[in-house]
Amino acid sequence: SARVLQVGDAAFDAAQKTLTGPGGCCSLSKREAELMEILLANHGQTLPRSMLLTRVWGPDAEVEDGNLDTYIYYLRKILKKLKSRVRVSTAHGIGYRLECPPC
């Protein structure tokens, strides 16, 4: 059962780990895909950093805080490359939110 999440002009195929936008399609790494899936499923909501770290890396993982920032940076670059209007915004001191500005 294919699970495709769509927000605005971006569509994510969880089974294939691909993100599609007006500018094409891009394969995501395992962590990029997990992070994108969580952001898309909760678009418009600010997700706390701790929740994202736990969901993507696991509750017992010893992961550096900066790893999340690095993966957010990767996702932003991919969305830009795909010419998508969807953006990952930072809620300083809280976490991240996926937004799609109206056309």
Protein backbone atom coordinates (compact mmCIF):
# COMPACT_ATOMS: atom_id res chain seq x y z
CA SER A 1 0.00 0.00 0.00
CA ALA A 2 1.69 3.12 -1.21
CA ARG A 3 1.60 6.03 1.20
CA VAL A 4 1.86 9.36 -0.58
CA LEU A 5 1.70 12.59 1.41
CA GLN A 6 1.06 15.81 -0.45
CA VAL A 7 1.30 19.40 0.75
CA GLY A 8 0.99 22.16 -1.80
CA ASP A 9 3.13 21.33 -4.82
CA ALA A 10 5.25 18.71 -3.01
CA ALA A 11 4.40 14.99 -2.91
CA PHE A 12 6.30 12.44 -0.86
CA ASP A 13 6.15 8.72 -1.61
CA ALA A 14 7.07 6.99 1.67
CA ALA A 15 7.55 3.56 0.08
CA GLN A 16 9.96 4.85 -2.59
CA LYS A 17 11.46 7.60 -0.36
CA THR A 18 11.02 10.11 -3.19
CA LEU A 19 9.98 13.73 -3.04
CA THR A 20 8.40 15.27 -6.13
CA GLY A 21 7.88 18.93 -6.90
CA PRO A 22 7.34 21.17 -9.95
CA GLY A 23 11.06 20.88 -10.80
CA GLY A 24 11.30 17.09 -10.75
CA CYS A 25 11.83 14.22 -8.36
CA CYS A 26 14.53 13.46 -5.79
CA SER A 27 15.39 10.34 -3.77
CA LEU A 28 15.84 10.89 -0.04
CA SER A 29 18.06 9.10 2.44
CA LYS A 30 16.42 7.07 5.21
CA ARG A 31 16.68 9.90 7.78
CA GLU A 32 15.66 12.60 5.29
CA ALA A 33 12.63 10.50 4.36
CA GLU A 34 11.62 9.89 7.99
CA LEU A 35 11.96 13.57 8.82
CA MET A 36 10.06 14.69 5.70
CA GLU A 37 7.26 12.23 6.41
CA ILE A 38 6.80 13.57 9.96
CA LEU A 39 6.88 17.20 8.78
CA LEU A 40 4.39 16.55 5.95
CA ALA A 41 2.01 14.58 8.16
CA ASN A 42 1.98 17.47 10.64
CA HIS A 43 2.29 20.40 8.24
CA GLY A 44 1.40 23.76 9.73
CA GLN A 45 2.23 22.57 13.24
CA THR A 46 5.42 23.48 15.06
CA LEU A 47 7.13 20.24 16.02
CA PRO A 48 9.51 20.34 19.00
CA ARG A 49 13.14 19.44 18.34
CA SER A 50 13.01 16.73 21.04
CA MET A 51 10.05 15.03 19.34
CA LEU A 52 11.75 15.09 15.93
CA LEU A 53 15.00 13.69 17.37
CA THR A 54 13.13 10.90 19.19
CA ARG A 55 10.97 9.95 16.19
CA VAL A 56 13.80 9.97 13.61
CA TRP A 57 16.80 8.74 15.61
CA GLY A 58 15.02 6.80 18.38
CA PRO A 59 14.47 7.47 22.09
CA ASP A 60 17.82 6.03 23.22
CA ALA A 61 20.04 7.36 20.44
CA GLU A 62 22.95 9.52 21.48
CA VAL A 63 22.56 12.04 18.69
CA GLU A 64 24.03 15.51 18.59
CA ASP A 65 21.55 18.36 18.48
CA GLY A 66 23.22 19.71 15.34
CA ASN A 67 22.35 16.57 13.37
CA LEU A 68 18.72 17.65 13.19
CA ASP A 69 19.75 21.09 11.89
CA THR A 70 21.90 19.44 9.23
CA TYR A 71 19.02 17.28 7.97
CA ILE A 72 16.65 20.27 7.97
CA TYR A 73 19.26 22.09 5.84
CA TYR A 74 19.33 19.12 3.42
CA LEU A 75 15.53 19.09 3.13
CA ARG A 76 15.45 22.84 2.48
CA LYS A 77 18.01 22.44 -0.33
CA ILE A 78 16.01 19.58 -1.87
CA LEU A 79 12.73 21.55 -1.74
CA LYS A 80 14.47 24.51 -3.38
CA LYS A 81 16.00 22.26 -6.08
CA LEU A 82 12.53 20.84 -6.81
CA LYS A 83 11.23 24.43 -7.15
CA SER A 84 8.62 23.75 -4.48
CA ARG A 85 6.79 26.52 -2.65
CA VAL A 86 6.79 24.34 0.49
CA ARG A 87 9.22 25.58 3.15
CA VAL A 88 10.60 24.31 6.45
CA SER A 89 10.55 27.22 8.88
CA THR A 90 12.34 27.49 12.20
CA ALA A 91 10.49 28.30 15.41
CA HIS A 92 13.52 29.56 17.37
CA GLY A 93 14.01 27.72 20.64
CA ILE A 94 11.13 25.34 19.86
CA GLY A 95 11.51 23.34 16.65
CA TYR A 96 10.46 23.27 13.00
CA ARG A 97 7.27 23.65 10.95
CA LEU A 98 6.43 22.76 7.35
CA GLU A 99 4.54 25.55 5.59
CA CYS A 100 3.04 26.05 2.18
CA PRO A 101 2.33 29.66 1.24
CA PRO A 102 -0.91 30.21 -0.68
CA CYS A 103 -0.64 30.60 -4.45
